[in-house]
Amino acid sequence: MDRITLIQKIIKEANFSAYLEIGTQAGKSFLPIKCKYKIAVDPMFCISSKRKIKWLLKNPLNIKNKYFEETSDDFFAKKKSFLDKRGKIDIILIDGSHTFEGSLKDVLNSLKYLNDRGVIILHDCYPPNVASATPAKSKNEAAKKEVEGWTGEWCGDVWKTIVYLRRAFSDLLDVCIINTDYGLGIVRIKNKIQKPLSIDNKLFDEMHKIPFEEVKQNAESMIGLKDENFTKVLINELAAKI
């Protein structure tokens, strides 16, 4: 099950009405999603007017879309009043920079606005091989490193965010990865968060020392890896909270 299908099923079964997507770019996952309120964040959208019209005809709910062309850091820093007025977000997809630092900051910022029974989904959390897990700021930079086994597939080191969250906030968050669509990281609130979560610099630095090979060998304990059938469990659990 890919992220688009999973998100749509969750929205339907859990009766969610507010969706935020970080890293929308061409709108591949954003435009097809049917949800009452949708917010897209990207520093450089690549969605033509023709494409928007096409998807408006196919999915009329797109007429209410809100687009913010800026980095996610700027969005959370400068659009606090908008987010506060908008209210809690039910489901959030993080698919922006494929970096540990960027994805971790996006999760921590997103948690401030997540519905207590909502869910954050991160794409590219379980790379298919070591080469695709190459840490870099972009796909081009990763390709230039000429890592053995490079195929053009690039997920970066988003997986470190899952390891970090499981170690830092095991008492507050329920975190795992579903082994589908390059790894879908799942973050849910387990116990009420009393104050904004911050980054532990020591633990953050430790993450950079962990090789992806170690995660592959200890996937269940380090990242809580689940098989694709867990998507059904997740959907049922979120629907049951209505």
C-alpha atoms as a PDB file:
ATOM      1  CA  MET A   1       0.000   0.000   0.000  1.00  0.00           C
ATOM      2  CA  ASP A   2       1.492   3.353  -0.989  1.00  0.00           C
ATOM      3  CA  ARG A   3       1.255   6.541   1.066  1.00  0.00           C
ATOM      4  CA  ILE A   4      -1.577   8.051  -1.005  1.00  0.00           C
ATOM      5  CA  THR A   5      -3.799   5.005  -0.554  1.00  0.00           C
ATOM      6  CA  LEU A   6      -3.002   4.760   3.157  1.00  0.00           C
ATOM      7  CA  ILE A   7      -3.666   8.451   3.796  1.00  0.00           C
ATOM      8  CA  GLN A   8      -6.978   8.335   1.936  1.00  0.00           C
ATOM      9  CA  LYS A   9      -8.142   5.241   3.805  1.00  0.00           C
ATOM     10  CA  ILE A  10      -7.235   6.814   7.141  1.00  0.00           C
ATOM     11  CA  ILE A  11      -9.085  10.031   6.292  1.00  0.00           C
ATOM     12  CA  LYS A  12     -12.178   8.062   5.308  1.00  0.00           C
ATOM     13  CA  GLU A  13     -12.257   5.529   8.141  1.00  0.00           C
ATOM     14  CA  ALA A  14     -11.183   7.931  10.912  1.00  0.00           C
ATOM     15  CA  ASN A  15     -13.405  10.735   9.597  1.00  0.00           C
ATOM     16  CA  PHE A  16     -10.459  13.143   9.439  1.00  0.00           C
ATOM     17  CA  SER A  17     -10.988  16.588   7.905  1.00  0.00           C
ATOM     18  CA  ALA A  18      -7.629  18.414   8.056  1.00  0.00           C
ATOM     19  CA  TYR A  19      -4.504  17.344   6.140  1.00  0.00           C
ATOM     20  CA  LEU A  20      -1.062  18.974   6.041  1.00  0.00           C
ATOM     21  CA  GLU A  21       1.622  17.955   3.563  1.00  0.00           C
ATOM     22  CA  ILE A  22       5.246  19.057   3.886  1.00  0.00           C
ATOM     23  CA  GLY A  23       7.193  18.581   0.665  1.00  0.00           C
ATOM     24  CA  THR A  24       4.441  18.803  -1.952  1.00  0.00           C
ATOM     25  CA  GLN A  25       6.488  19.904  -4.993  1.00  0.00           C
ATOM     26  CA  ALA A  26       4.462  18.697  -8.025  1.00  0.00           C
ATOM     27  CA  GLY A  27       1.441  17.641  -5.978  1.00  0.00           C
ATOM     28  CA  LYS A  28       1.701  13.918  -6.778  1.00  0.00           C
ATOM     29  CA  SER A  29       0.310  12.901  -3.407  1.00  0.00           C
ATOM     30  CA  PHE A  30      -1.385  16.166  -2.424  1.00  0.00           C
ATOM     31  CA  LEU A  31      -3.827  16.775  -5.274  1.00  0.00           C
ATOM     32  CA  PRO A  32      -5.446  13.299  -5.354  1.00  0.00           C
ATOM     33  CA  ILE A  33      -6.153  13.279  -1.598  1.00  0.00           C
ATOM     34  CA  LYS A  34      -9.814  13.934  -0.786  1.00  0.00           C
ATOM     35  CA  CYS A  35     -10.064  15.858   2.473  1.00  0.00           C
ATOM     36  CA  LYS A  36     -12.133  18.873   3.549  1.00  0.00           C
ATOM     37  CA  TYR A  37      -9.130  21.063   4.433  1.00  0.00           C
ATOM     38  CA  LYS A  38      -5.694  20.613   2.837  1.00  0.00           C
ATOM     39  CA  ILE A  39      -2.502  22.589   3.390  1.00  0.00           C
ATOM     40  CA  ALA A  40       0.598  22.253   1.204  1.00  0.00           C
ATOM     41  CA  VAL A  41       4.077  23.490   2.112  1.00  0.00           C
ATOM     42  CA  ASP A  42       7.055  23.525  -0.256  1.00  0.00           C
ATOM     43  CA  PRO A  43       9.883  26.005  -0.984  1.00  0.00           C
ATOM     44  CA  MET A  44       9.353  25.598  -4.736  1.00  0.00           C
ATOM     45  CA  PHE A  45       6.033  24.302  -6.065  1.00  0.00           C
ATOM     46  CA  CYS A  46       6.049  22.712  -9.513  1.00  0.00           C
ATOM     47  CA  ILE A  47       2.292  22.626 -10.072  1.00  0.00           C
ATOM     48  CA  SER A  48       1.102  24.311 -13.259  1.00  0.00           C
ATOM     49  CA  SER A  49      -2.256  26.069 -13.467  1.00  0.00           C
ATOM     50  CA  LYS A  50      -3.325  23.452 -16.005  1.00  0.00           C
ATOM     51  CA  ARG A  51      -2.533  20.670 -13.543  1.00  0.00           C
ATOM     52  CA  LYS A  52      -4.430  22.425 -10.758  1.00  0.00           C
ATOM     53  CA  ILE A  53      -7.502  22.804 -12.994  1.00  0.00           C
ATOM     54  CA  LYS A  54      -7.265  19.149 -14.035  1.00  0.00           C
ATOM     55  CA  TRP A  55      -7.244  17.999 -10.428  1.00  0.00           C
ATOM     56  CA  LEU A  56      -9.936  20.458  -9.429  1.00  0.00           C
ATOM     57  CA  LEU A  57     -12.235  18.781 -11.941  1.00  0.00           C
ATOM     58  CA  LYS A  58     -11.236  15.317 -10.706  1.00  0.00           C
ATOM     59  CA  ASN A  59     -11.318  16.283  -7.034  1.00  0.00           C
ATOM     60  CA  PRO A  60     -13.468  19.394  -6.331  1.00  0.00           C
ATOM     61  CA  LEU A  61     -12.277  19.510  -2.711  1.00  0.00           C
ATOM     62  CA  ASN A  62      -9.038  21.002  -4.068  1.00  0.00           C
ATOM     63  CA  ILE A  63     -10.811  24.350  -4.353  1.00  0.00           C
ATOM     64  CA  LYS A  64     -10.157  24.959  -0.650  1.00  0.00           C
ATOM     65  CA  ASN A  65      -6.451  24.113  -0.791  1.00  0.00           C
ATOM     66  CA  LYS A  66      -3.975  26.409   0.942  1.00  0.00           C
ATOM     67  CA  TYR A  67      -0.482  26.670  -0.559  1.00  0.00           C
ATOM     68  CA  PHE A  68       2.534  28.064   1.294  1.00  0.00           C
ATOM     69  CA  GLU A  69       5.632  28.404  -0.888  1.00  0.00           C
ATOM     70  CA  GLU A  70       8.335  28.478   1.760  1.00  0.00           C
ATOM     71  CA  THR A  71      10.516  26.121   3.753  1.00  0.00           C
ATOM     72  CA  SER A  72       8.821  24.153   6.493  1.00  0.00           C
ATOM     73  CA  ASP A  73      10.992  25.967   9.054  1.00  0.00           C
ATOM     74  CA  ASP A  74       9.655  29.324   7.839  1.00  0.00           C
ATOM     75  CA  PHE A  75       6.116  27.988   7.674  1.00  0.00           C
ATOM     76  CA  PHE A  76       6.076  26.902  11.310  1.00  0.00           C
ATOM     77  CA  ALA A  77       7.912  30.029  12.446  1.00  0.00           C
ATOM     78  CA  LYS A  78       5.874  32.591  10.510  1.00  0.00           C
ATOM     79  CA  LYS A  79       2.421  31.008  10.173  1.00  0.00           C
ATOM     80  CA  LYS A  80       1.721  30.309  13.841  1.00  0.00           C
ATOM     81  CA  SER A  81      -1.342  32.571  13.859  1.00  0.00           C
ATOM     82  CA  PHE A  82      -2.732  30.781  10.786  1.00  0.00           C
ATOM     83  CA  LEU A  83      -2.161  27.370  12.353  1.00  0.00           C
ATOM     84  CA  ASP A  84      -3.621  28.405  15.693  1.00  0.00           C
ATOM     85  CA  LYS A  85      -6.725  29.735  13.949  1.00  0.00           C
ATOM     86  CA  ARG A  86      -6.956  26.665  11.695  1.00  0.00           C
ATOM     87  CA  GLY A  87      -7.028  24.328  14.706  1.00  0.00           C
ATOM     88  CA  LYS A  88      -5.561  20.870  15.139  1.00  0.00           C
ATOM     89  CA  ILE A  89      -4.430  18.885  12.108  1.00  0.00           C
ATOM     90  CA  ASP A  90      -5.606  15.275  11.824  1.00  0.00           C
ATOM     91  CA  ILE A  91      -3.034  13.805   9.465  1.00  0.00           C
ATOM     92  CA  ILE A  92       0.356  15.105   8.357  1.00  0.00           C
ATOM     93  CA  LEU A  93       2.643  13.775   5.614  1.00  0.00           C
ATOM     94  CA  ILE A  94       6.325  14.696   5.882  1.00  0.00           C
ATOM     95  CA  ASP A  95       8.059  14.174   2.552  1.00  0.00           C
ATOM     96  CA  GLY A  96      10.339  17.198   2.228  1.00  0.00           C
ATOM     97  CA  SER A  97      14.094  17.061   2.640  1.00  0.00           C
ATOM     98  CA  HIS A  98      15.424  13.522   2.867  1.00  0.00           C
ATOM     99  CA  THR A  99      17.637  14.487   5.785  1.00  0.00           C
ATOM    100  CA  PHE A 100      17.650  13.454   9.420  1.00  0.00           C
ATOM    101  CA  GLU A 101      17.800  17.027  10.708  1.00  0.00           C
ATOM    102  CA  GLY A 102      15.066  18.315   8.404  1.00  0.00           C
ATOM    103  CA  SER A 103      12.629  15.471   9.002  1.00  0.00           C
ATOM    104  CA  LEU A 104      13.176  15.521  12.770  1.00  0.00           C
ATOM    105  CA  LYS A 105      12.487  19.260  12.965  1.00  0.00           C
ATOM    106  CA  ASP A 106       9.375  18.775  10.829  1.00  0.00           C
ATOM    107  CA  VAL A 107       8.063  16.088  13.188  1.00  0.00           C
ATOM    108  CA  LEU A 108       8.701  18.114  16.328  1.00  0.00           C
ATOM    109  CA  ASN A 109       7.061  21.198  14.812  1.00  0.00           C
ATOM    110  CA  SER A 110       4.135  19.164  13.491  1.00  0.00           C
ATOM    111  CA  LEU A 111       3.447  17.626  16.891  1.00  0.00           C
ATOM    112  CA  LYS A 112       2.522  21.069  18.217  1.00  0.00           C
ATOM    113  CA  TYR A 113      -0.504  21.105  15.907  1.00  0.00           C
ATOM    114  CA  LEU A 114      -1.403  17.413  15.651  1.00  0.00           C
ATOM    115  CA  ASN A 115      -4.780  16.224  16.865  1.00  0.00           C
ATOM    116  CA  ASP A 116      -4.237  13.946  19.885  1.00  0.00           C
ATOM    117  CA  ARG A 117      -5.798  11.072  17.945  1.00  0.00           C
ATOM    118  CA  GLY A 118      -4.094  12.036  14.696  1.00  0.00           C
ATOM    119  CA  VAL A 119      -1.076  10.623  12.889  1.00  0.00           C
ATOM    120  CA  ILE A 120       2.139  11.817  11.244  1.00  0.00           C
ATOM    121  CA  ILE A 121       3.421   9.813   8.270  1.00  0.00           C
ATOM    122  CA  LEU A 122       7.004  10.140   7.028  1.00  0.00           C
ATOM    123  CA  HIS A 123       7.987   8.886   3.580  1.00  0.00           C
ATOM    124  CA  ASP A 124      11.345   7.239   2.687  1.00  0.00           C
ATOM    125  CA  CYS A 125      12.036   5.759   6.136  1.00  0.00           C
ATOM    126  CA  TYR A 126      13.277   2.317   5.053  1.00  0.00           C
ATOM    127  CA  PRO A 127      15.698   2.566   2.109  1.00  0.00           C
ATOM    128  CA  PRO A 128      15.914  -0.542  -0.112  1.00  0.00           C
ATOM    129  CA  ASN A 129      19.721  -0.671   0.186  1.00  0.00           C
ATOM    130  CA  VAL A 130      22.702   1.024   1.781  1.00  0.00           C
ATOM    131  CA  ALA A 131      23.378   3.274  -1.229  1.00  0.00           C
ATOM    132  CA  SER A 132      19.846   4.697  -1.170  1.00  0.00           C
ATOM    133  CA  ALA A 133      20.376   5.546   2.519  1.00  0.00           C
ATOM    134  CA  THR A 134      23.292   7.862   1.668  1.00  0.00           C
ATOM    135  CA  PRO A 135      23.175  11.018   3.822  1.00  0.00           C
ATOM    136  CA  ALA A 136      23.097  14.120   1.613  1.00  0.00           C
ATOM    137  CA  LYS A 137      21.261  17.404   1.151  1.00  0.00           C
ATOM    138  CA  SER A 138      19.913  16.401  -2.260  1.00  0.00           C
ATOM    139  CA  LYS A 139      19.680  13.486  -4.660  1.00  0.00           C
ATOM    140  CA  ASN A 140      22.331  15.064  -6.897  1.00  0.00           C
ATOM    141  CA  GLU A 141      24.719  15.385  -3.979  1.00  0.00           C
ATOM    142  CA  ALA A 142      24.078  11.754  -3.021  1.00  0.00           C
ATOM    143  CA  ALA A 143      24.728  10.600  -6.604  1.00  0.00           C
ATOM    144  CA  LYS A 144      28.054  12.468  -6.730  1.00  0.00           C
ATOM    145  CA  LYS A 145      29.293  10.440  -3.769  1.00  0.00           C
ATOM    146  CA  GLU A 146      29.309   7.404  -6.096  1.00  0.00           C
ATOM    147  CA  VAL A 147      28.436   4.976  -3.330  1.00  0.00           C
ATOM    148  CA  GLU A 148      28.727   1.330  -4.363  1.00  0.00           C
ATOM    149  CA  GLY A 149      25.348  -0.071  -5.385  1.00  0.00           C
ATOM    150  CA  TRP A 150      23.846   3.307  -6.340  1.00  0.00           C
ATOM    151  CA  THR A 151      20.726   2.802  -8.495  1.00  0.00           C
ATOM    152  CA  GLY A 152      19.263   6.304  -8.527  1.00  0.00           C
ATOM    153  CA  GLU A 153      16.852   5.526  -5.703  1.00  0.00           C
ATOM    154  CA  TRP A 154      17.433   7.909  -2.805  1.00  0.00           C
ATOM    155  CA  CYS A 155      15.763   8.020   0.601  1.00  0.00           C
ATOM    156  CA  GLY A 156      18.524   9.724   2.562  1.00  0.00           C
ATOM    157  CA  ASP A 157      18.781   9.295   6.330  1.00  0.00           C
ATOM    158  CA  VAL A 158      15.181  10.022   7.352  1.00  0.00           C
ATOM    159  CA  TRP A 159      15.275   6.639   9.111  1.00  0.00           C
ATOM    160  CA  LYS A 160      17.439   8.215  11.822  1.00  0.00           C
ATOM    161  CA  THR A 161      14.452  10.329  12.853  1.00  0.00           C
ATOM    162  CA  ILE A 162      12.533   7.151  13.659  1.00  0.00           C
ATOM    163  CA  VAL A 163      15.415   5.782  15.733  1.00  0.00           C
ATOM    164  CA  TYR A 164      15.766   9.124  17.514  1.00  0.00           C
ATOM    165  CA  LEU A 165      12.057   9.460  18.341  1.00  0.00           C
ATOM    166  CA  ARG A 166      11.859   5.901  19.667  1.00  0.00           C
ATOM    167  CA  ARG A 167      14.820   6.524  21.966  1.00  0.00           C
ATOM    168  CA  ALA A 168      14.019  10.063  23.073  1.00  0.00           C
ATOM    169  CA  PHE A 169      10.257   9.958  23.512  1.00  0.00           C
ATOM    170  CA  SER A 170       9.213   6.346  24.047  1.00  0.00           C
ATOM    171  CA  ASP A 171       6.974   7.476  26.919  1.00  0.00           C
ATOM    172  CA  LEU A 172       5.112  10.037  24.794  1.00  0.00           C
ATOM    173  CA  LEU A 173       5.070   8.717  21.239  1.00  0.00           C
ATOM    174  CA  ASP A 174       4.185   5.503  19.470  1.00  0.00           C
ATOM    175  CA  VAL A 175       6.671   5.265  16.572  1.00  0.00           C
ATOM    176  CA  CYS A 176       7.301   2.585  13.951  1.00  0.00           C
ATOM    177  CA  ILE A 177       7.907   1.999  10.232  1.00  0.00           C
ATOM    178  CA  ILE A 178       5.631   0.086   7.894  1.00  0.00           C
ATOM    179  CA  ASN A 179       7.650  -1.789   5.265  1.00  0.00           C
ATOM    180  CA  THR A 180       5.907  -0.417   2.177  1.00  0.00           C
ATOM    181  CA  ASP A 181       6.441   2.473  -0.288  1.00  0.00           C
ATOM    182  CA  TYR A 182      10.113   2.944   0.717  1.00  0.00           C
ATOM    183  CA  GLY A 183       9.158   2.805   4.380  1.00  0.00           C
ATOM    184  CA  LEU A 184       6.295   4.784   5.906  1.00  0.00           C
ATOM    185  CA  GLY A 185       7.217   6.134   9.317  1.00  0.00           C
ATOM    186  CA  ILE A 186       4.257   6.343  11.682  1.00  0.00           C
ATOM    187  CA  VAL A 187       4.182   8.748  14.644  1.00  0.00           C
ATOM    188  CA  ARG A 188       1.239   8.890  17.043  1.00  0.00           C
ATOM    189  CA  ILE A 189       0.777  10.555  20.404  1.00  0.00           C
ATOM    190  CA  LYS A 190       0.725   7.955  23.177  1.00  0.00           C
ATOM    191  CA  ASN A 191       0.536  10.239  26.207  1.00  0.00           C
ATOM    192  CA  LYS A 192      -0.399  13.911  26.319  1.00  0.00           C
ATOM    193  CA  ILE A 193       2.533  16.188  25.481  1.00  0.00           C
ATOM    194  CA  GLN A 194       2.671  18.962  28.069  1.00  0.00           C
ATOM    195  CA  LYS A 195       5.281  21.167  26.365  1.00  0.00           C
ATOM    196  CA  PRO A 196       6.985  21.407  22.947  1.00  0.00           C
ATOM    197  CA  LEU A 197       9.558  18.669  22.406  1.00  0.00           C
ATOM    198  CA  SER A 198      13.140  19.794  21.824  1.00  0.00           C
ATOM    199  CA  ILE A 199      16.228  18.171  20.328  1.00  0.00           C
ATOM    200  CA  ASP A 200      18.727  16.487  22.623  1.00  0.00           C
ATOM    201  CA  ASN A 201      22.033  17.445  20.992  1.00  0.00           C
ATOM    202  CA  LYS A 202      23.955  14.515  22.471  1.00  0.00           C
ATOM    203  CA  LEU A 203      21.452  11.961  21.201  1.00  0.00           C
ATOM    204  CA  PHE A 204      21.229  13.799  17.880  1.00  0.00           C
ATOM    205  CA  ASP A 205      25.005  13.462  17.420  1.00  0.00           C
ATOM    206  CA  GLU A 206      24.874   9.795  18.349  1.00  0.00           C
ATOM    207  CA  MET A 207      22.461   9.140  15.483  1.00  0.00           C
ATOM    208  CA  HIS A 208      25.115  10.143  12.952  1.00  0.00           C
ATOM    209  CA  LYS A 209      27.315   7.283  14.145  1.00  0.00           C
ATOM    210  CA  ILE A 210      24.717   4.590  13.440  1.00  0.00           C
ATOM    211  CA  PRO A 211      25.214   2.861  10.064  1.00  0.00           C
ATOM    212  CA  PHE A 212      22.141   1.811   8.117  1.00  0.00           C
ATOM    213  CA  GLU A 213      23.450  -1.768   8.092  1.00  0.00           C
ATOM    214  CA  GLU A 214      22.917  -1.893  11.859  1.00  0.00           C
ATOM    215  CA  VAL A 215      19.303  -0.837  11.430  1.00  0.00           C
ATOM    216  CA  LYS A 216      18.720  -3.534   8.786  1.00  0.00           C
ATOM    217  CA  GLN A 217      20.061  -6.147  11.172  1.00  0.00           C
ATOM    218  CA  ASN A 218      18.017  -4.913  14.151  1.00  0.00           C
ATOM    219  CA  ALA A 219      14.965  -3.500  12.393  1.00  0.00           C
ATOM    220  CA  GLU A 220      12.358  -4.636  14.907  1.00  0.00           C
ATOM    221  CA  SER A 221      14.081  -3.202  17.973  1.00  0.00           C
ATOM    222  CA  MET A 222      15.538  -0.043  16.422  1.00  0.00           C
ATOM    223  CA  ILE A 223      12.738   1.160  14.157  1.00  0.00           C
ATOM    224  CA  GLY A 224       9.792  -1.068  15.104  1.00  0.00           C
ATOM    225  CA  LEU A 225       9.545  -2.416  11.554  1.00  0.00           C
ATOM    226  CA  LYS A 226       6.086  -3.755  10.667  1.00  0.00           C
ATOM    227  CA  ASP A 227       4.991  -5.614   7.553  1.00  0.00           C
ATOM    228  CA  GLU A 228       2.461  -4.136   5.141  1.00  0.00           C
ATOM    229  CA  ASN A 229      -0.467  -5.832   6.911  1.00  0.00           C
ATOM    230  CA  PHE A 230       0.013  -3.357   9.767  1.00  0.00           C
ATOM    231  CA  THR A 231      -1.664  -0.715   7.585  1.00  0.00           C
ATOM    232  CA  LYS A 232      -4.992  -2.433   8.334  1.00  0.00           C
ATOM    233  CA  VAL A 233      -4.253  -2.433  12.068  1.00  0.00           C
ATOM    234  CA  LEU A 234      -3.332   1.245  11.957  1.00  0.00           C
ATOM    235  CA  ILE A 235      -6.481   2.231  10.085  1.00  0.00           C
ATOM    236  CA  ASN A 236      -8.673   0.254  12.468  1.00  0.00           C
ATOM    237  CA  GLU A 237      -7.003   1.746  15.550  1.00  0.00           C
ATOM    238  CA  LEU A 238      -7.411   5.314  14.288  1.00  0.00           C
ATOM    239  CA  ALA A 239     -11.026   4.661  13.286  1.00  0.00           C
ATOM    240  CA  ALA A 240     -11.774   3.186  16.708  1.00  0.00           C
ATOM    241  CA  LYS A 241     -10.867   6.483  18.397  1.00  0.00           C
ATOM    242  CA  ILE A 242     -13.825   8.341  16.852  1.00  0.00           C
END
